[in-house]
Amino acid sequence: MKYERIPLMIDVIFTKEGNMMPRTLIFDEKRFEIRKVIKKRRFCPKEIPCVAPIEYTVMIDNIEKKIYFEPDTFMWFSVKSTVG
């Protein structure tokens, strides 16, 4: 199985403590509300190349998803499995 890195557009807010909280995911011109951040940790998915991203486990439409923020590139992404 192969994996690919999917670039994402994320609206975020910054708390008064300086923490970054993702609130909306925009993909294919559709907006998805991030209802809750379940977990936040430094984690690099082994399937794709990346530089020390922060993994956010979030709830979108009552489905748990993982999105990543790479501070060195200021890029948000997800990981998708592909056939082939």
Protein backbone atom coordinates (compact mmCIF):
# COMPACT_ATOMS: atom_id res chain seq x y z
CA MET A 1 0.00 0.00 0.00
CA LYS A 2 1.23 3.51 -0.84
CA TYR A 3 0.51 6.72 1.02
CA GLU A 4 0.39 10.32 -0.07
CA ARG A 5 0.54 13.62 1.70
CA ILE A 6 -2.62 15.68 1.13
CA PRO A 7 -2.19 19.46 1.63
CA LEU A 8 -4.96 21.07 3.68
CA MET A 9 -6.22 24.57 4.34
CA ILE A 10 -7.06 25.03 8.03
CA ASP A 11 -8.57 28.03 9.83
CA VAL A 12 -7.01 28.32 13.28
CA ILE A 13 -7.43 30.48 16.35
CA PHE A 14 -4.75 31.32 18.87
CA THR A 15 -5.60 31.18 22.56
CA LYS A 16 -4.45 33.89 24.95
CA GLU A 17 -1.79 31.40 26.10
CA GLY A 18 -0.45 31.25 22.53
CA ASN A 19 -1.72 27.77 21.63
CA MET A 20 -2.88 27.12 18.08
CA MET A 21 -6.32 25.46 17.80
CA PRO A 22 -7.62 24.26 14.40
CA ARG A 23 -11.31 25.19 13.91
CA THR A 24 -12.23 24.64 10.25
CA LEU A 25 -10.86 22.36 7.54
CA ILE A 26 -11.32 23.54 3.94
CA PHE A 27 -10.96 20.84 1.28
CA ASP A 28 -12.27 20.80 -2.31
CA GLU A 29 -14.00 24.13 -1.62
CA LYS A 30 -16.02 22.58 1.23
CA ARG A 31 -15.79 23.68 4.87
CA PHE A 32 -15.80 21.16 7.72
CA GLU A 33 -16.10 22.31 11.32
CA ILE A 34 -13.58 20.81 13.72
CA ARG A 35 -15.81 20.27 16.74
CA LYS A 36 -13.13 19.08 19.15
CA VAL A 37 -9.38 18.54 19.44
CA ILE A 38 -9.05 15.17 21.16
CA LYS A 39 -5.28 14.96 21.33
CA LYS A 40 -2.22 16.96 20.28
CA ARG A 41 1.30 15.50 20.14
CA ARG A 42 4.57 15.61 18.24
CA PHE A 43 4.40 12.67 15.87
CA CYS A 44 5.86 11.93 12.45
CA PRO A 45 3.84 9.42 10.39
CA LYS A 46 6.24 6.80 9.04
CA GLU A 47 4.45 6.47 5.70
CA ILE A 48 5.47 9.87 4.29
CA PRO A 49 8.39 12.30 4.48
CA CYS A 50 7.86 15.17 6.92
CA VAL A 51 9.78 17.34 9.37
CA ALA A 52 8.71 16.99 13.04
CA PRO A 53 4.98 17.71 12.61
CA ILE A 54 2.37 18.14 15.31
CA GLU A 55 -0.39 15.56 15.03
CA TYR A 56 -3.89 16.73 15.94
CA THR A 57 -6.57 14.09 16.50
CA VAL A 58 -9.83 15.94 15.83
CA MET A 59 -13.58 15.32 15.51
CA ILE A 60 -15.14 16.30 12.17
CA ASP A 61 -18.76 15.26 11.51
CA ASN A 62 -18.54 12.84 14.47
CA ILE A 63 -15.58 11.08 12.82
CA GLU A 64 -12.12 11.01 14.37
CA LYS A 65 -9.46 12.30 11.94
CA LYS A 66 -5.74 12.99 12.13
CA ILE A 67 -4.32 16.18 10.68
CA TYR A 68 -0.75 17.40 10.88
CA PHE A 69 0.95 20.79 11.13
CA GLU A 70 4.58 21.04 10.08
CA PRO A 71 6.06 24.11 11.87
CA ASP A 72 9.20 24.24 9.68
CA THR A 73 7.11 24.71 6.49
CA PHE A 74 3.93 26.19 8.06
CA MET A 75 1.94 23.54 6.15
CA TRP A 76 -1.10 21.51 7.20
CA PHE A 77 -1.61 18.06 5.71
CA SER A 78 -3.26 14.68 6.11
CA VAL A 79 -2.12 11.22 5.02
CA LYS A 80 -4.14 9.17 2.56
CA SER A 81 -3.60 5.56 1.53
CA THR A 82 -3.66 4.82 -2.20
CA VAL A 83 -3.81 1.63 -4.21
CA GLY A 84 -0.74 0.73 -6.20
